[in-house]
Amino acid sequence: EMRSYRALKVLAAAKFSSSPLSTCVRGCADDVPGAMDVPAKGLALTLPNGTTNIVGSANSMMRAIASFSPGSELAGATLVDSGIVDSWVQFGWTEIEVPMGALLHDKENAQSSVDTVKQHIQSALETLDQHLQKCTYMVGNGITNADIALCSALHAAACSHLWDPALSNTERSEELRCVKKWYHAVIEQSFFVSALSMQ
């Protein structure tokens, strides 16, 4: 789980917020002191007091990290921004993460599944590119959980050869230019590089 893009989302959010949270991979609920009825395995965060654990989905952990460090504005600068951040995180889950997950379950039709997922991701990228033509980040004037969640999923998609984030000087260089510039601007930040190095 620590090497997954889901863990990357949590690690990057924690690094961005400078939260002194520690992470661990748990094999079962017994591996996390004080945790009751948690999912069978996955990632857990431990707060600095050493006794409080946050478990659940990566998106809920990102939300918790944002609430522990409001100055980071990971959840957005305003209540309205917070709702928009959550919408973009959900968009990434629905339009990028779920299709990638489907590849794991359809090994019989591997090539047609890959082609379908590539089309799905291309459609999501076009939506993101259109949005980013008007702004630098997904919400507001800085990095939020929306940027981190989407870039983490897109990083996994790029590593799986489901899209090519390279900026080139070819005739097709204008295709998805805004989303590619934004993607590189986020993943090349020191907090993201640090999160990647933890995997």
C-alpha atoms as a PDB file:
ATOM      1  CA  GLU A   1       0.000   0.000   0.000  1.00  0.00           C
ATOM      2  CA  MET A   2       2.865   2.409   0.731  1.00  0.00           C
ATOM      3  CA  ARG A   3       3.906   2.317  -2.947  1.00  0.00           C
ATOM      4  CA  SER A   4       0.445   3.066  -4.304  1.00  0.00           C
ATOM      5  CA  TYR A   5      -0.761   6.387  -5.659  1.00  0.00           C
ATOM      6  CA  ARG A   6      -3.268   6.409  -2.790  1.00  0.00           C
ATOM      7  CA  ALA A   7      -0.396   6.488  -0.309  1.00  0.00           C
ATOM      8  CA  LEU A   8       1.335   9.105  -2.468  1.00  0.00           C
ATOM      9  CA  LYS A   9      -1.695  11.389  -2.084  1.00  0.00           C
ATOM     10  CA  VAL A  10      -1.525  11.136   1.708  1.00  0.00           C
ATOM     11  CA  LEU A  11       2.253  11.456   1.906  1.00  0.00           C
ATOM     12  CA  ALA A  12       2.293  14.476  -0.416  1.00  0.00           C
ATOM     13  CA  ALA A  13      -0.488  16.203   1.554  1.00  0.00           C
ATOM     14  CA  ALA A  14       1.377  15.568   4.816  1.00  0.00           C
ATOM     15  CA  LYS A  15       4.638  16.878   3.329  1.00  0.00           C
ATOM     16  CA  PHE A  16       2.950  19.958   1.863  1.00  0.00           C
ATOM     17  CA  SER A  17       1.262  20.821   5.151  1.00  0.00           C
ATOM     18  CA  SER A  18       4.472  20.195   7.131  1.00  0.00           C
ATOM     19  CA  SER A  19       2.347  18.100   9.479  1.00  0.00           C
ATOM     20  CA  PRO A  20       4.428  16.055  11.894  1.00  0.00           C
ATOM     21  CA  LEU A  21       2.423  12.948  11.109  1.00  0.00           C
ATOM     22  CA  SER A  22       3.988   9.532  10.928  1.00  0.00           C
ATOM     23  CA  THR A  23       2.757   6.894   8.526  1.00  0.00           C
ATOM     24  CA  CYS A  24       2.637   3.158   8.754  1.00  0.00           C
ATOM     25  CA  VAL A  25       1.303   0.348   6.657  1.00  0.00           C
ATOM     26  CA  ARG A  26      -0.959  -1.939   8.581  1.00  0.00           C
ATOM     27  CA  GLY A  27      -1.748  -5.531   7.834  1.00  0.00           C
ATOM     28  CA  CYS A  28      -4.818  -5.625  10.070  1.00  0.00           C
ATOM     29  CA  ALA A  29      -6.622  -3.585  12.715  1.00  0.00           C
ATOM     30  CA  ASP A  30      -4.380  -5.067  15.434  1.00  0.00           C
ATOM     31  CA  ASP A  31      -1.366  -3.313  13.858  1.00  0.00           C
ATOM     32  CA  VAL A  32      -2.746   0.139  14.719  1.00  0.00           C
ATOM     33  CA  PRO A  33      -3.059   0.786  18.461  1.00  0.00           C
ATOM     34  CA  GLY A  34      -6.398   2.316  19.354  1.00  0.00           C
ATOM     35  CA  ALA A  35      -7.958   1.606  15.972  1.00  0.00           C
ATOM     36  CA  MET A  36     -11.189  -0.327  15.969  1.00  0.00           C
ATOM     37  CA  ASP A  37     -12.888  -1.996  13.020  1.00  0.00           C
ATOM     38  CA  VAL A  38     -10.582  -0.477  10.428  1.00  0.00           C
ATOM     39  CA  PRO A  39     -10.304  -1.893   6.941  1.00  0.00           C
ATOM     40  CA  ALA A  40      -8.174  -5.012   6.727  1.00  0.00           C
ATOM     41  CA  LYS A  41      -5.057  -3.310   5.443  1.00  0.00           C
ATOM     42  CA  GLY A  42      -3.807  -0.029   4.121  1.00  0.00           C
ATOM     43  CA  LEU A  43      -2.264   3.174   5.385  1.00  0.00           C
ATOM     44  CA  ALA A  44      -2.613   4.712   8.839  1.00  0.00           C
ATOM     45  CA  LEU A  45      -1.490   8.103  10.098  1.00  0.00           C
ATOM     46  CA  THR A  46      -0.406   8.667  13.663  1.00  0.00           C
ATOM     47  CA  LEU A  47      -0.659  12.129  15.209  1.00  0.00           C
ATOM     48  CA  PRO A  48       2.276  13.588  17.130  1.00  0.00           C
ATOM     49  CA  ASN A  49       0.719  12.584  20.469  1.00  0.00           C
ATOM     50  CA  GLY A  50       1.378   8.982  19.410  1.00  0.00           C
ATOM     51  CA  THR A  51      -2.007   7.687  20.473  1.00  0.00           C
ATOM     52  CA  THR A  52      -4.418   9.079  17.903  1.00  0.00           C
ATOM     53  CA  ASN A  53      -4.604   7.250  14.589  1.00  0.00           C
ATOM     54  CA  ILE A  54      -6.345   8.268  11.394  1.00  0.00           C
ATOM     55  CA  VAL A  55      -7.451   5.427   9.176  1.00  0.00           C
ATOM     56  CA  GLY A  56      -9.757   5.248   6.202  1.00  0.00           C
ATOM     57  CA  SER A  57      -9.604   6.180   2.560  1.00  0.00           C
ATOM     58  CA  ALA A  58      -6.742   8.235   1.201  1.00  0.00           C
ATOM     59  CA  ASN A  59      -9.147  11.069   0.447  1.00  0.00           C
ATOM     60  CA  SER A  60     -10.465  11.132   4.019  1.00  0.00           C
ATOM     61  CA  MET A  61      -6.891  11.146   5.334  1.00  0.00           C
ATOM     62  CA  MET A  62      -6.057  14.067   3.045  1.00  0.00           C
ATOM     63  CA  ARG A  63      -9.081  15.917   4.420  1.00  0.00           C
ATOM     64  CA  ALA A  64      -7.925  15.180   7.979  1.00  0.00           C
ATOM     65  CA  ILE A  65      -4.414  16.451   7.218  1.00  0.00           C
ATOM     66  CA  ALA A  66      -5.932  19.667   5.855  1.00  0.00           C
ATOM     67  CA  SER A  67      -7.995  20.117   9.016  1.00  0.00           C
ATOM     68  CA  PHE A  68      -4.930  19.646  11.252  1.00  0.00           C
ATOM     69  CA  SER A  69      -3.050  22.323   9.329  1.00  0.00           C
ATOM     70  CA  PRO A  70      -5.557  24.977   8.216  1.00  0.00           C
ATOM     71  CA  GLY A  71      -2.754  27.421   7.361  1.00  0.00           C
ATOM     72  CA  SER A  72      -1.728  25.169   4.481  1.00  0.00           C
ATOM     73  CA  GLU A  73      -5.098  25.795   2.807  1.00  0.00           C
ATOM     74  CA  LEU A  74      -5.044  22.245   1.418  1.00  0.00           C
ATOM     75  CA  ALA A  75      -8.832  22.202   1.726  1.00  0.00           C
ATOM     76  CA  GLY A  76      -9.074  25.622   0.082  1.00  0.00           C
ATOM     77  CA  ALA A  77      -9.053  29.160   1.434  1.00  0.00           C
ATOM     78  CA  THR A  78     -12.828  29.426   1.896  1.00  0.00           C
ATOM     79  CA  LEU A  79     -15.772  27.163   2.567  1.00  0.00           C
ATOM     80  CA  VAL A  80     -16.776  27.422  -1.100  1.00  0.00           C
ATOM     81  CA  ASP A  81     -13.231  26.519  -2.157  1.00  0.00           C
ATOM     82  CA  SER A  82     -13.385  23.495   0.148  1.00  0.00           C
ATOM     83  CA  GLY A  83     -16.433  22.194  -1.693  1.00  0.00           C
ATOM     84  CA  ILE A  84     -14.732  22.741  -5.044  1.00  0.00           C
ATOM     85  CA  VAL A  85     -11.592  20.934  -3.814  1.00  0.00           C
ATOM     86  CA  ASP A  86     -13.731  17.964  -2.780  1.00  0.00           C
ATOM     87  CA  SER A  87     -15.438  18.002  -6.193  1.00  0.00           C
ATOM     88  CA  TRP A  88     -12.117  17.835  -8.051  1.00  0.00           C
ATOM     89  CA  VAL A  89     -10.842  15.081  -5.746  1.00  0.00           C
ATOM     90  CA  GLN A  90     -14.042  13.139  -6.510  1.00  0.00           C
ATOM     91  CA  PHE A  91     -13.601  13.830 -10.228  1.00  0.00           C
ATOM     92  CA  GLY A  92     -10.102  12.316 -10.074  1.00  0.00           C
ATOM     93  CA  TRP A  93     -11.375   9.270  -8.265  1.00  0.00           C
ATOM     94  CA  THR A  94     -14.263   8.724 -10.681  1.00  0.00           C
ATOM     95  CA  GLU A  95     -12.581   9.616 -13.953  1.00  0.00           C
ATOM     96  CA  ILE A  96      -8.995   8.416 -13.404  1.00  0.00           C
ATOM     97  CA  GLU A  97      -8.628   6.142 -10.374  1.00  0.00           C
ATOM     98  CA  VAL A  98     -11.659   3.883 -10.920  1.00  0.00           C
ATOM     99  CA  PRO A  99     -10.845   3.231 -14.599  1.00  0.00           C
ATOM    100  CA  MET A 100      -7.221   2.412 -13.677  1.00  0.00           C
ATOM    101  CA  GLY A 101      -8.481   0.037 -10.995  1.00  0.00           C
ATOM    102  CA  ALA A 102     -10.662  -1.707 -13.561  1.00  0.00           C
ATOM    103  CA  LEU A 103      -7.505  -2.806 -15.396  1.00  0.00           C
ATOM    104  CA  LEU A 104      -6.596  -4.998 -12.449  1.00  0.00           C
ATOM    105  CA  HIS A 105      -9.864  -6.885 -12.707  1.00  0.00           C
ATOM    106  CA  ASP A 106     -10.110  -7.420 -16.470  1.00  0.00           C
ATOM    107  CA  LYS A 107      -6.993  -9.386 -17.362  1.00  0.00           C
ATOM    108  CA  GLU A 108      -8.798 -11.458 -20.026  1.00  0.00           C
ATOM    109  CA  ASN A 109      -9.477  -8.407 -22.194  1.00  0.00           C
ATOM    110  CA  ALA A 110      -6.250  -6.626 -21.319  1.00  0.00           C
ATOM    111  CA  GLN A 111      -5.631  -4.666 -24.530  1.00  0.00           C
ATOM    112  CA  SER A 112      -9.219  -3.543 -25.012  1.00  0.00           C
ATOM    113  CA  SER A 113      -9.303  -2.574 -21.329  1.00  0.00           C
ATOM    114  CA  VAL A 114      -6.110  -0.543 -21.674  1.00  0.00           C
ATOM    115  CA  ASP A 115      -7.526   1.242 -24.712  1.00  0.00           C
ATOM    116  CA  THR A 116     -10.771   1.994 -22.859  1.00  0.00           C
ATOM    117  CA  VAL A 117      -8.904   3.325 -19.820  1.00  0.00           C
ATOM    118  CA  LYS A 118      -6.668   5.472 -22.046  1.00  0.00           C
ATOM    119  CA  GLN A 119      -9.782   6.974 -23.657  1.00  0.00           C
ATOM    120  CA  HIS A 120     -11.291   7.620 -20.226  1.00  0.00           C
ATOM    121  CA  ILE A 121      -8.119   9.295 -18.979  1.00  0.00           C
ATOM    122  CA  GLN A 122      -7.826  11.318 -22.210  1.00  0.00           C
ATOM    123  CA  SER A 123     -11.346  12.630 -21.636  1.00  0.00           C
ATOM    124  CA  ALA A 124     -10.481  13.540 -18.033  1.00  0.00           C
ATOM    125  CA  LEU A 125      -7.288  15.254 -19.198  1.00  0.00           C
ATOM    126  CA  GLU A 126      -9.233  17.317 -21.720  1.00  0.00           C
ATOM    127  CA  THR A 127     -11.587  18.472 -18.951  1.00  0.00           C
ATOM    128  CA  LEU A 128      -8.633  19.372 -16.723  1.00  0.00           C
ATOM    129  CA  ASP A 129      -6.859  21.150 -19.586  1.00  0.00           C
ATOM    130  CA  GLN A 130      -9.927  23.239 -20.348  1.00  0.00           C
ATOM    131  CA  HIS A 131     -10.201  24.237 -16.666  1.00  0.00           C
ATOM    132  CA  LEU A 132      -6.481  25.027 -16.391  1.00  0.00           C
ATOM    133  CA  GLN A 133      -6.590  27.367 -19.397  1.00  0.00           C
ATOM    134  CA  LYS A 134      -8.105  29.913 -16.992  1.00  0.00           C
ATOM    135  CA  CYS A 135      -6.072  29.249 -13.845  1.00  0.00           C
ATOM    136  CA  THR A 136      -2.745  28.012 -12.516  1.00  0.00           C
ATOM    137  CA  TYR A 137      -4.083  25.570  -9.913  1.00  0.00           C
ATOM    138  CA  MET A 138      -7.295  23.593  -9.672  1.00  0.00           C
ATOM    139  CA  VAL A 139      -8.796  25.771  -6.919  1.00  0.00           C
ATOM    140  CA  GLY A 140      -7.739  29.221  -5.794  1.00  0.00           C
ATOM    141  CA  ASN A 141      -4.230  30.599  -6.014  1.00  0.00           C
ATOM    142  CA  GLY A 142      -2.209  27.720  -4.607  1.00  0.00           C
ATOM    143  CA  ILE A 143      -1.843  23.984  -4.295  1.00  0.00           C
ATOM    144  CA  THR A 144      -4.733  22.180  -2.632  1.00  0.00           C
ATOM    145  CA  ASN A 145      -5.721  18.571  -2.063  1.00  0.00           C
ATOM    146  CA  ALA A 146      -7.315  18.724  -5.530  1.00  0.00           C
ATOM    147  CA  ASP A 147      -3.935  19.297  -7.190  1.00  0.00           C
ATOM    148  CA  ILE A 148      -2.251  16.639  -5.048  1.00  0.00           C
ATOM    149  CA  ALA A 149      -4.939  13.981  -5.569  1.00  0.00           C
ATOM    150  CA  LEU A 150      -5.168  14.528  -9.320  1.00  0.00           C
ATOM    151  CA  CYS A 151      -1.397  14.656  -9.871  1.00  0.00           C
ATOM    152  CA  SER A 152      -0.894  11.522  -7.780  1.00  0.00           C
ATOM    153  CA  ALA A 153      -3.416   9.616  -9.893  1.00  0.00           C
ATOM    154  CA  LEU A 154      -1.962  11.032 -13.105  1.00  0.00           C
ATOM    155  CA  HIS A 155       1.542  10.075 -11.951  1.00  0.00           C
ATOM    156  CA  ALA A 156       0.336   6.477 -11.555  1.00  0.00           C
ATOM    157  CA  ALA A 157      -1.304   6.657 -14.994  1.00  0.00           C
ATOM    158  CA  ALA A 158       1.934   7.956 -16.543  1.00  0.00           C
ATOM    159  CA  CYS A 159       3.970   5.206 -14.850  1.00  0.00           C
ATOM    160  CA  SER A 160       1.490   2.689 -16.302  1.00  0.00           C
ATOM    161  CA  HIS A 161       1.884   4.239 -19.786  1.00  0.00           C
ATOM    162  CA  LEU A 162      -1.757   5.322 -19.864  1.00  0.00           C
ATOM    163  CA  TRP A 163      -0.818   8.898 -20.819  1.00  0.00           C
ATOM    164  CA  ASP A 164       2.316  10.805 -21.742  1.00  0.00           C
ATOM    165  CA  PRO A 165       2.901  13.937 -19.640  1.00  0.00           C
ATOM    166  CA  ALA A 166       5.984  15.001 -21.617  1.00  0.00           C
ATOM    167  CA  LEU A 167       6.049  18.557 -22.884  1.00  0.00           C
ATOM    168  CA  SER A 168       7.396  18.533 -26.417  1.00  0.00           C
ATOM    169  CA  ASN A 169       8.038  20.969 -29.229  1.00  0.00           C
ATOM    170  CA  THR A 170       6.283  18.925 -31.890  1.00  0.00           C
ATOM    171  CA  GLU A 171       3.301  20.060 -33.892  1.00  0.00           C
ATOM    172  CA  ARG A 172       1.016  18.454 -31.301  1.00  0.00           C
ATOM    173  CA  SER A 173       2.658  20.397 -28.482  1.00  0.00           C
ATOM    174  CA  GLU A 174      -0.480  22.436 -27.906  1.00  0.00           C
ATOM    175  CA  GLU A 175      -2.476  19.294 -27.082  1.00  0.00           C
ATOM    176  CA  LEU A 176      -3.067  19.219 -23.320  1.00  0.00           C
ATOM    177  CA  ARG A 177      -0.382  21.862 -22.839  1.00  0.00           C
ATOM    178  CA  CYS A 178      -2.059  23.484 -19.816  1.00  0.00           C
ATOM    179  CA  VAL A 179      -2.587  20.222 -17.954  1.00  0.00           C
ATOM    180  CA  LYS A 180       0.965  19.070 -18.691  1.00  0.00           C
ATOM    181  CA  LYS A 181       2.473  22.358 -17.451  1.00  0.00           C
ATOM    182  CA  TRP A 182       0.336  22.188 -14.288  1.00  0.00           C
ATOM    183  CA  TYR A 183       1.217  18.517 -13.729  1.00  0.00           C
ATOM    184  CA  HIS A 184       4.954  19.239 -13.932  1.00  0.00           C
ATOM    185  CA  ALA A 185       4.616  22.360 -11.781  1.00  0.00           C
ATOM    186  CA  VAL A 186       3.066  20.233  -9.005  1.00  0.00           C
ATOM    187  CA  ILE A 187       5.133  17.033  -9.195  1.00  0.00           C
ATOM    188  CA  GLU A 188       8.413  18.962  -9.366  1.00  0.00           C
ATOM    189  CA  GLN A 189       7.667  20.764  -6.082  1.00  0.00           C
ATOM    190  CA  SER A 190       9.944  19.662  -3.232  1.00  0.00           C
ATOM    191  CA  PHE A 191       7.057  18.296  -1.134  1.00  0.00           C
ATOM    192  CA  PHE A 192       5.940  15.998  -3.967  1.00  0.00           C
ATOM    193  CA  VAL A 193       9.481  14.858  -4.749  1.00  0.00           C
ATOM    194  CA  SER A 194       9.954  14.114  -1.046  1.00  0.00           C
ATOM    195  CA  ALA A 195       6.703  12.111  -0.933  1.00  0.00           C
ATOM    196  CA  LEU A 196       7.778  10.119  -3.998  1.00  0.00           C
ATOM    197  CA  SER A 197      11.115   9.341  -2.344  1.00  0.00           C
ATOM    198  CA  MET A 198       9.272   7.829   0.646  1.00  0.00           C
ATOM    199  CA  GLN A 199       7.655   5.190  -1.526  1.00  0.00           C
END
